[in-house]
Each structure stands twice: as C-alpha cells, then as structure tokens.
C-alpha cells in the first residue's frame, strides 16, 4: 500500500515540475531578448571599439530571434521599444 502511494505522489510531483518548467519558457525567452538588446545598445554607440563583424553578428542573432529584417534601424527600434514597454 505504501509503495503504490509513494509512486502516486512521485508521479504528481513529476507532473508539477513539468508544469512549472513549461510555464517558465516565455519568461526565459523574454530575458534572453532583453540581454541581447542590452548588448546591442552597448555595441551600437561605441562603434569604434567593436568590430564590424561583432555588430553584424549581434544584429543577425536578434533578427533571427525576433523575426525582423537584419537591419540596424529595425533592431535599434525594437530594442528601444522593448525597454520602454517593460514594467
């Protein structure tokens, strides 16, 4: 009796952990975009310090994650609006 009760509780705990993990996916995606935008905002004004390749790689990564065109103006506008719309 105790063995089957243990198995039942273990199953319920496993399902609860899966539910929590799935619920955190949108939060982690938003934080990833936030970090990418922070890096872009750091790179963009300091154009002499960072190489052209580094800037283009960052723009391409953000464009791939957001579905935007890989243009500086699009990414700059997204990152600026991203920070203004956060709570």
PDB file of N, CA and C in Angstrom:
ATOM      1  N   UNK A   1       0.820  -1.192   0.000  1.00  0.00           N
ATOM      2  CA  UNK A   1       0.000   0.000   0.000  1.00  0.00           C
ATOM      3  C   UNK A   1       0.867   1.260   0.000  1.00  0.00           C
ATOM      4  N   UNK A   2       1.892   1.276   0.859  1.00  0.00           N
ATOM      5  CA  UNK A   2       2.769   2.450   0.923  1.00  0.00           C
ATOM      6  C   UNK A   2       3.569   2.608  -0.364  1.00  0.00           C
ATOM      7  N   UNK A   3       3.923   1.505  -0.978  1.00  0.00           N
ATOM      8  CA  UNK A   3       4.695   1.561  -2.216  1.00  0.00           C
ATOM      9  C   UNK A   3       3.879   2.228  -3.327  1.00  0.00           C
ATOM     10  N   UNK A   4       2.633   1.857  -3.463  1.00  0.00           N
ATOM     11  CA  UNK A   4       1.805   2.463  -4.511  1.00  0.00           C
ATOM     12  C   UNK A   4       1.507   3.936  -4.201  1.00  0.00           C
ATOM     13  N   UNK A   5       1.370   4.267  -2.927  1.00  0.00           N
ATOM     14  CA  UNK A   5       1.174   5.661  -2.532  1.00  0.00           C
ATOM     15  C   UNK A   5       2.412   6.499  -2.854  1.00  0.00           C
ATOM     16  N   UNK A   6       3.580   5.939  -2.598  1.00  0.00           N
ATOM     17  CA  UNK A   6       4.841   6.610  -2.933  1.00  0.00           C
ATOM     18  C   UNK A   6       4.943   6.871  -4.434  1.00  0.00           C
ATOM     19  N   UNK A   7       4.591   5.872  -5.237  1.00  0.00           N
ATOM     20  CA  UNK A   7       4.637   6.018  -6.688  1.00  0.00           C
ATOM     21  C   UNK A   7       3.643   7.081  -7.164  1.00  0.00           C
ATOM     22  N   UNK A   8       2.483   7.129  -6.574  1.00  0.00           N
ATOM     23  CA  UNK A   8       1.474   8.115  -6.954  1.00  0.00           C
ATOM     24  C   UNK A   8       1.951   9.526  -6.629  1.00  0.00           C
ATOM     25  N   UNK A   9       2.498   9.735  -5.440  1.00  0.00           N
ATOM     26  CA  UNK A   9       2.999  11.053  -5.071  1.00  0.00           C
ATOM     27  C   UNK A   9       4.190  11.471  -5.928  1.00  0.00           C
ATOM     28  N   UNK A  10       5.046  10.514  -6.242  1.00  0.00           N
ATOM     29  CA  UNK A  10       6.187  10.812  -7.113  1.00  0.00           C
ATOM     30  C   UNK A  10       5.702  11.242  -8.494  1.00  0.00           C
ATOM     31  N   UNK A  11       4.687  10.588  -9.010  1.00  0.00           N
ATOM     32  CA  UNK A  11       4.117  10.971 -10.310  1.00  0.00           C
ATOM     33  C   UNK A  11       3.516  12.359 -10.286  1.00  0.00           C
ATOM     34  N   UNK A  12       2.811  12.686  -9.204  1.00  0.00           N
ATOM     35  CA  UNK A  12       2.211  14.018  -9.071  1.00  0.00           C
ATOM     36  C   UNK A  12       3.296  15.087  -8.989  1.00  0.00           C
ATOM     37  N   UNK A  13       4.361  14.817  -8.264  1.00  0.00           N
ATOM     38  CA  UNK A  13       5.471  15.774  -8.149  1.00  0.00           C
ATOM     39  C   UNK A  13       6.135  15.976  -9.512  1.00  0.00           C
ATOM     40  N   UNK A  14       6.331  14.891 -10.256  1.00  0.00           N
ATOM     41  CA  UNK A  14       6.946  14.996 -11.581  1.00  0.00           C
ATOM     42  C   UNK A  14       6.080  15.833 -12.514  1.00  0.00           C
ATOM     43  N   UNK A  15       4.779  15.620 -12.485  1.00  0.00           N
ATOM     44  CA  UNK A  15       3.883  16.411 -13.333  1.00  0.00           C
ATOM     45  C   UNK A  15       3.892  17.889 -12.932  1.00  0.00           C
ATOM     46  N   UNK A  16       3.962  18.155 -11.642  1.00  0.00           N
ATOM     47  CA  UNK A  16       4.004  19.538 -11.172  1.00  0.00           C
ATOM     48  C   UNK A  16       5.286  20.231 -11.625  1.00  0.00           C
ATOM     49  N   UNK A  17       6.410  19.531 -11.562  1.00  0.00           N
ATOM     50  CA  UNK A  17       7.675  20.119 -12.009  1.00  0.00           C
ATOM     51  C   UNK A  17       7.676  20.382 -13.506  1.00  0.00           C
ATOM     52  N   UNK A  18       7.073  19.503 -14.270  1.00  0.00           N
ATOM     53  CA  UNK A  18       6.963  19.709 -15.714  1.00  0.00           C
ATOM     54  C   UNK A  18       6.108  20.945 -15.993  1.00  0.00           C
ATOM     55  N   UNK A  19       5.029  21.096 -15.270  1.00  0.00           N
ATOM     56  CA  UNK A  19       4.170  22.270 -15.439  1.00  0.00           C
ATOM     57  C   UNK A  19       4.890  23.564 -15.118  1.00  0.00           C
ATOM     58  N   UNK A  20       5.682  23.566 -14.062  1.00  0.00           N
ATOM     59  CA  UNK A  20       6.448  24.758 -13.697  1.00  0.00           C
ATOM     60  C   UNK A  20       7.484  25.076 -14.769  1.00  0.00           C
ATOM     61  N   UNK A  21       8.181  24.061 -15.254  1.00  0.00           N
ATOM     62  CA  UNK A  21       9.215  24.275 -16.275  1.00  0.00           C
ATOM     63  C   UNK A  21       8.620  24.836 -17.560  1.00  0.00           C
ATOM     64  N   UNK A  22       7.496  24.312 -17.990  1.00  0.00           N
ATOM     65  CA  UNK A  22       6.847  24.799 -19.212  1.00  0.00           C
ATOM     66  C   UNK A  22       6.350  26.228 -19.017  1.00  0.00           C
ATOM     67  N   UNK A  23       5.923  26.549 -17.833  1.00  0.00           N
ATOM     68  CA  UNK A  23       5.448  27.900 -17.546  1.00  0.00           C
ATOM     69  C   UNK A  23       6.562  28.943 -17.559  1.00  0.00           C
ATOM     70  N   UNK A  24       7.802  28.529 -17.348  1.00  0.00           N
ATOM     71  CA  UNK A  24       8.922  29.470 -17.319  1.00  0.00           C
ATOM     72  C   UNK A  24       9.540  29.720 -18.688  1.00  0.00           C
ATOM     73  N   UNK A  25       9.137  29.006 -19.722  1.00  0.00           N
ATOM     74  CA  UNK A  25       9.730  29.174 -21.052  1.00  0.00           C
ATOM     75  C   UNK A  25       9.547  30.592 -21.592  1.00  0.00           C
ATOM     76  N   UNK A  26       8.347  31.181 -21.576  1.00  0.00           N
ATOM     77  CA  UNK A  26       8.221  32.553 -22.097  1.00  0.00           C
ATOM     78  C   UNK A  26       9.061  33.559 -21.317  1.00  0.00           C
ATOM     79  N   UNK A  27       9.186  33.373 -20.022  1.00  0.00           N
ATOM     80  CA  UNK A  27       9.982  34.270 -19.188  1.00  0.00           C
ATOM     81  C   UNK A  27      11.450  34.225 -19.603  1.00  0.00           C
ATOM     82  N   UNK A  28      11.977  33.022 -19.861  1.00  0.00           N
ATOM     83  CA  UNK A  28      13.385  32.907 -20.230  1.00  0.00           C
ATOM     84  C   UNK A  28      13.634  33.467 -21.623  1.00  0.00           C
ATOM     85  N   UNK A  29      12.681  33.331 -22.529  1.00  0.00           N
ATOM     86  CA  UNK A  29      12.837  33.912 -23.872  1.00  0.00           C
ATOM     87  C   UNK A  29      12.866  35.430 -23.803  1.00  0.00           C
ATOM     88  N   UNK A  30      12.022  36.003 -22.974  1.00  0.00           N
ATOM     89  CA  UNK A  30      11.997  37.460 -22.826  1.00  0.00           C
ATOM     90  C   UNK A  30      13.304  37.962 -22.231  1.00  0.00           C
ATOM     91  N   UNK A  31      13.824  37.260 -21.256  1.00  0.00           N
ATOM     92  CA  UNK A  31      15.082  37.665 -20.628  1.00  0.00           C
ATOM     93  C   UNK A  31      16.250  37.517 -21.602  1.00  0.00           C
ATOM     94  N   UNK A  32      16.209  36.508 -22.460  1.00  0.00           N
ATOM     95  CA  UNK A  32      17.250  36.345 -23.469  1.00  0.00           C
ATOM     96  C   UNK A  32      17.243  37.535 -24.433  1.00  0.00           C
ATOM     97  N   UNK A  33      16.056  37.935 -24.887  1.00  0.00           N
ATOM     98  CA  UNK A  33      15.954  39.106 -25.765  1.00  0.00           C
ATOM     99  C   UNK A  33      16.404  40.373 -25.047  1.00  0.00           C
ATOM    100  N   UNK A  34      16.081  40.477 -23.788  1.00  0.00           N
ATOM    101  CA  UNK A  34      16.494  41.635 -23.005  1.00  0.00           C
ATOM    102  C   UNK A  34      18.021  41.722 -22.945  1.00  0.00           C
ATOM    103  N   UNK A  35      18.676  40.598 -22.705  1.00  0.00           N
ATOM    104  CA  UNK A  35      20.139  40.585 -22.645  1.00  0.00           C
ATOM    105  C   UNK A  35      20.762  40.892 -24.003  1.00  0.00           C
ATOM    106  N   UNK A  36      20.176  40.358 -25.070  1.00  0.00           N
ATOM    107  CA  UNK A  36      20.689  40.643 -26.412  1.00  0.00           C
ATOM    108  C   UNK A  36      20.553  42.124 -26.738  1.00  0.00           C
ATOM    109  N   UNK A  37      19.435  42.719 -26.348  1.00  0.00           N
ATOM    110  CA  UNK A  37      19.238  44.154 -26.599  1.00  0.00           C
ATOM    111  C   UNK A  37      20.212  44.991 -25.775  1.00  0.00           C
ATOM    112  N   UNK A  38      20.488  44.574 -24.568  1.00  0.00           N
ATOM    113  CA  UNK A  38      21.474  45.300 -23.755  1.00  0.00           C
ATOM    114  C   UNK A  38      22.840  45.282 -24.429  1.00  0.00           C
ATOM    115  N   UNK A  39      23.210  44.105 -24.960  1.00  0.00           N
ATOM    116  CA  UNK A  39      24.491  44.013 -25.653  1.00  0.00           C
ATOM    117  C   UNK A  39      24.494  44.886 -26.903  1.00  0.00           C
ATOM    118  N   UNK A  40      23.400  44.874 -27.641  1.00  0.00           N
ATOM    119  CA  UNK A  40      23.308  45.700 -28.851  1.00  0.00           C
ATOM    120  C   UNK A  40      23.398  47.177 -28.507  1.00  0.00           C
ATOM    121  N   UNK A  41      22.694  47.602 -27.466  1.00  0.00           N
ATOM    122  CA  UNK A  41      22.713  49.009 -27.065  1.00  0.00           C
ATOM    123  C   UNK A  41      24.112  49.408 -26.590  1.00  0.00           C
ATOM    124  N   UNK A  42      24.865  48.463 -26.044  1.00  0.00           N
ATOM    125  CA  UNK A  42      26.241  48.747 -25.644  1.00  0.00           C
ATOM    126  C   UNK A  42      27.149  48.846 -26.871  1.00  0.00           C
ATOM    127  N   UNK A  43      26.938  47.978 -27.848  1.00  0.00           N
ATOM    128  CA  UNK A  43      27.789  47.949 -29.041  1.00  0.00           C
ATOM    129  C   UNK A  43      27.512  49.130 -29.952  1.00  0.00           C
ATOM    130  N   UNK A  44      26.256  49.459 -30.159  1.00  0.00           N
ATOM    131  CA  UNK A  44      25.876  50.431 -31.188  1.00  0.00           C
ATOM    132  C   UNK A  44      26.526  51.810 -31.024  1.00  0.00           C
ATOM    133  N   UNK A  45      26.497  52.442 -29.838  1.00  0.00           N
ATOM    134  CA  UNK A  45      27.114  53.778 -29.738  1.00  0.00           C
ATOM    135  C   UNK A  45      28.652  53.734 -29.767  1.00  0.00           C
ATOM    136  N   UNK A  46      29.238  52.638 -29.329  1.00  0.00           N
ATOM    137  CA  UNK A  46      30.701  52.517 -29.272  1.00  0.00           C
ATOM    138  C   UNK A  46      31.217  51.841 -30.541  1.00  0.00           C
ATOM    139  N   UNK A  47      30.935  52.431 -31.679  1.00  0.00           N
ATOM    140  CA  UNK A  47      31.240  51.788 -32.951  1.00  0.00           C
ATOM    141  C   UNK A  47      32.732  51.655 -33.200  1.00  0.00           C
ATOM    142  N   UNK A  48      33.541  52.517 -32.652  1.00  0.00           N
ATOM    143  CA  UNK A  48      34.977  52.416 -32.899  1.00  0.00           C
ATOM    144  C   UNK A  48      35.613  51.292 -32.068  1.00  0.00           C
ATOM    145  N   UNK A  49      35.005  50.941 -30.952  1.00  0.00           N
ATOM    146  CA  UNK A  49      35.581  49.926 -30.072  1.00  0.00           C
ATOM    147  C   UNK A  49      35.285  48.508 -30.568  1.00  0.00           C
ATOM    148  N   UNK A  50      34.103  48.284 -31.120  1.00  0.00           N
ATOM    149  CA  UNK A  50      33.697  46.960 -31.568  1.00  0.00           C
ATOM    150  C   UNK A  50      33.900  46.827 -33.075  1.00  0.00           C
ATOM    151  N   UNK A  51      34.216  45.614 -33.509  1.00  0.00           N
ATOM    152  CA  UNK A  51      34.441  45.395 -34.934  1.00  0.00           C
ATOM    153  C   UNK A  51      33.116  45.321 -35.691  1.00  0.00           C
ATOM    154  N   UNK A  52      33.204  45.522 -36.985  1.00  0.00           N
ATOM    155  CA  UNK A  52      32.041  45.452 -37.863  1.00  0.00           C
ATOM    156  C   UNK A  52      31.411  44.055 -37.797  1.00  0.00           C
ATOM    157  N   UNK A  53      32.248  43.039 -37.686  1.00  0.00           N
ATOM    158  CA  UNK A  53      31.768  41.652 -37.625  1.00  0.00           C
ATOM    159  C   UNK A  53      30.951  41.417 -36.354  1.00  0.00           C
ATOM    160  N   UNK A  54      31.424  41.935 -35.223  1.00  0.00           N
ATOM    161  CA  UNK A  54      30.697  41.773 -33.959  1.00  0.00           C
ATOM    162  C   UNK A  54      29.317  42.433 -34.011  1.00  0.00           C
ATOM    163  N   UNK A  55      29.264  43.624 -34.587  1.00  0.00           N
ATOM    164  CA  UNK A  55      27.984  44.336 -34.695  1.00  0.00           C
ATOM    165  C   UNK A  55      27.008  43.566 -35.581  1.00  0.00           C
ATOM    166  N   UNK A  56      27.487  43.089 -36.713  1.00  0.00           N
ATOM    167  CA  UNK A  56      26.616  42.358 -37.634  1.00  0.00           C
ATOM    168  C   UNK A  56      26.147  41.032 -37.057  1.00  0.00           C
ATOM    169  N   UNK A  57      27.018  40.349 -36.300  1.00  0.00           N
ATOM    170  CA  UNK A  57      26.610  39.087 -35.660  1.00  0.00           C
ATOM    171  C   UNK A  57      25.509  39.330 -34.638  1.00  0.00           C
ATOM    172  N   UNK A  58      25.640  40.385 -33.858  1.00  0.00           N
ATOM    173  CA  UNK A  58      24.623  40.705 -32.847  1.00  0.00           C
ATOM    174  C   UNK A  58      23.297  41.060 -33.508  1.00  0.00           C
ATOM    175  N   UNK A  59      23.357  41.837 -34.595  1.00  0.00           N
ATOM    176  CA  UNK A  59      22.149  42.201 -35.329  1.00  0.00           C
ATOM    177  C   UNK A  59      21.486  40.960 -35.908  1.00  0.00           C
ATOM    178  N   UNK A  60      22.291  40.038 -36.434  1.00  0.00           N
ATOM    179  CA  UNK A  60      21.744  38.821 -37.041  1.00  0.00           C
ATOM    180  C   UNK A  60      21.079  37.926 -35.986  1.00  0.00           C
ATOM    181  N   UNK A  61      21.694  37.801 -34.827  1.00  0.00           N
ATOM    182  CA  UNK A  61      21.119  36.968 -33.757  1.00  0.00           C
ATOM    183  C   UNK A  61      19.778  37.534 -33.299  1.00  0.00           C
ATOM    184  N   UNK A  62      19.713  38.840 -33.086  1.00  0.00           N
ATOM    185  CA  UNK A  62      18.457  39.463 -32.644  1.00  0.00           C
ATOM    186  C   UNK A  62      17.397  39.330 -33.733  1.00  0.00           C
ATOM    187  N   UNK A  63      17.793  39.518 -34.986  1.00  0.00           N
ATOM    188  CA  UNK A  63      16.844  39.390 -36.094  1.00  0.00           C
ATOM    189  C   UNK A  63      16.300  37.964 -36.191  1.00  0.00           C
ATOM    190  N   UNK A  64      17.158  36.973 -35.999  1.00  0.00           N
ATOM    191  CA  UNK A  64      16.702  35.576 -36.044  1.00  0.00           C
ATOM    192  C   UNK A  64      15.725  35.260 -34.914  1.00  0.00           C
ATOM    193  N   UNK A  65      15.994  35.791 -33.735  1.00  0.00           N
ATOM    194  CA  UNK A  65      15.132  35.517 -32.573  1.00  0.00           C
ATOM    195  C   UNK A  65      13.783  36.231 -32.660  1.00  0.00           C
ATOM    196  N   UNK A  66      13.771  37.402 -33.308  1.00  0.00           N
ATOM    197  CA  UNK A  66      12.538  38.198 -33.339  1.00  0.00           C
ATOM    198  C   UNK A  66      11.766  38.089 -34.645  1.00  0.00           C
ATOM    199  N   UNK A  67      12.428  37.647 -35.702  1.00  0.00           N
ATOM    200  CA  UNK A  67      11.772  37.558 -36.999  1.00  0.00           C
ATOM    201  C   UNK A  67      11.804  38.865 -37.777  1.00  0.00           C
ATOM    202  N   UNK A  68      12.611  39.813 -37.329  1.00  0.00           N
ATOM    203  CA  UNK A  68      12.752  41.091 -38.025  1.00  0.00           C
ATOM    204  C   UNK A  68      13.804  40.972 -39.120  1.00  0.00           C
ATOM    205  N   UNK A  69      13.811  41.961 -40.026  1.00  0.00           N
ATOM    206  CA  UNK A  69      14.876  42.027 -41.013  1.00  0.00           C
ATOM    207  C   UNK A  69      16.164  42.446 -40.318  1.00  0.00           C
ATOM    208  N   UNK A  70      17.271  41.896 -40.783  1.00  0.00           N
ATOM    209  CA  UNK A  70      18.565  42.159 -40.145  1.00  0.00           C
ATOM    210  C   UNK A  70      19.117  43.516 -40.593  1.00  0.00           C
ATOM    211  N   UNK A  71      18.454  44.576 -40.195  1.00  0.00           N
ATOM    212  CA  UNK A  71      18.895  45.935 -40.483  1.00  0.00           C
ATOM    213  C   UNK A  71      19.062  46.682 -39.160  1.00  0.00           C
ATOM    214  N   UNK A  72      20.038  47.549 -39.124  1.00  0.00           N
ATOM    215  CA  UNK A  72      20.347  48.269 -37.882  1.00  0.00           C
ATOM    216  C   UNK A  72      19.155  49.071 -37.375  1.00  0.00           C
ATOM    217  N   UNK A  73      18.434  49.725 -38.279  1.00  0.00           N
ATOM    218  CA  UNK A  73      17.295  50.552 -37.854  1.00  0.00           C
ATOM    219  C   UNK A  73      16.192  49.706 -37.233  1.00  0.00           C
ATOM    220  N   UNK A  74      15.899  48.554 -37.829  1.00  0.00           N
ATOM    221  CA  UNK A  74      14.851  47.681 -37.282  1.00  0.00           C
ATOM    222  C   UNK A  74      15.215  47.190 -35.885  1.00  0.00           C
ATOM    223  N   UNK A  75      16.445  46.738 -35.737  1.00  0.00           N
ATOM    224  CA  UNK A  75      16.883  46.190 -34.447  1.00  0.00           C
ATOM    225  C   UNK A  75      16.953  47.297 -33.403  1.00  0.00           C
ATOM    226  N   UNK A  76      17.447  48.459 -33.792  1.00  0.00           N
ATOM    227  CA  UNK A  76      17.528  49.586 -32.867  1.00  0.00           C
ATOM    228  C   UNK A  76      16.137  49.994 -32.381  1.00  0.00           C
ATOM    229  N   UNK A  77      15.184  50.069 -33.301  1.00  0.00           N
ATOM    230  CA  UNK A  77      13.814  50.434 -32.943  1.00  0.00           C
ATOM    231  C   UNK A  77      13.207  49.381 -32.019  1.00  0.00           C
ATOM    232  N   UNK A  78      13.432  48.089 -32.320  1.00  0.00           N
ATOM    233  CA  UNK A  78      12.899  47.021 -31.476  1.00  0.00           C
ATOM    234  C   UNK A  78      13.474  47.105 -30.072  1.00  0.00           C
ATOM    235  N   UNK A  79      14.789  47.247 -29.971  1.00  0.00           N
ATOM    236  CA  UNK A  79      15.411  47.270 -28.641  1.00  0.00           C
ATOM    237  C   UNK A  79      14.963  48.483 -27.836  1.00  0.00           C
ATOM    238  N   UNK A  80      14.836  49.630 -28.481  1.00  0.00           N
ATOM    239  CA  UNK A  80      14.361  50.817 -27.756  1.00  0.00           C
ATOM    240  C   UNK A  80      12.925  50.634 -27.287  1.00  0.00           C
ATOM    241  N   UNK A  81      12.057  50.118 -28.142  1.00  0.00           N
ATOM    242  CA  UNK A  81      10.659  49.919 -27.743  1.00  0.00           C
ATOM    243  C   UNK A  81      10.536  48.796 -26.726  1.00  0.00           C
ATOM    244  N   UNK A  82      11.431  47.836 -26.797  1.00  0.00           N
ATOM    245  CA  UNK A  82      11.429  46.720 -25.844  1.00  0.00           C
ATOM    246  C   UNK A  82      11.655  47.240 -24.429  1.00  0.00           C
ATOM    247  N   UNK A  83      12.584  48.174 -24.265  1.00  0.00           N
ATOM    248  CA  UNK A  83      12.863  48.706 -22.928  1.00  0.00           C
ATOM    249  C   UNK A  83      11.800  49.669 -22.451  1.00  0.00           C
ATOM    250  N   UNK A  84      11.203  50.433 -23.351  1.00  0.00           N
ATOM    251  CA  UNK A  84      10.171  51.377 -22.934  1.00  0.00           C
ATOM    252  C   UNK A  84       8.883  50.661 -22.519  1.00  0.00           C
ATOM    253  N   UNK A  85       8.652  49.451 -23.039  1.00  0.00           N
ATOM    254  CA  UNK A  85       7.413  48.730 -22.744  1.00  0.00           C
ATOM    255  C   UNK A  85       7.536  47.769 -21.578  1.00  0.00           C
ATOM    256  N   UNK A  86       8.688  47.677 -20.940  1.00  0.00           N
ATOM    257  CA  UNK A  86       8.827  46.779 -19.807  1.00  0.00           C
ATOM    258  C   UNK A  86       8.252  47.412 -18.554  1.00  0.00           C
ATOM    259  N   UNK A  87       7.775  46.559 -17.677  1.00  0.00           N
ATOM    260  CA  UNK A  87       7.149  47.025 -16.422  1.00  0.00           C
ATOM    261  C   UNK A  87       8.166  47.226 -15.338  1.00  0.00           C
TER     262      UNK A  87
END
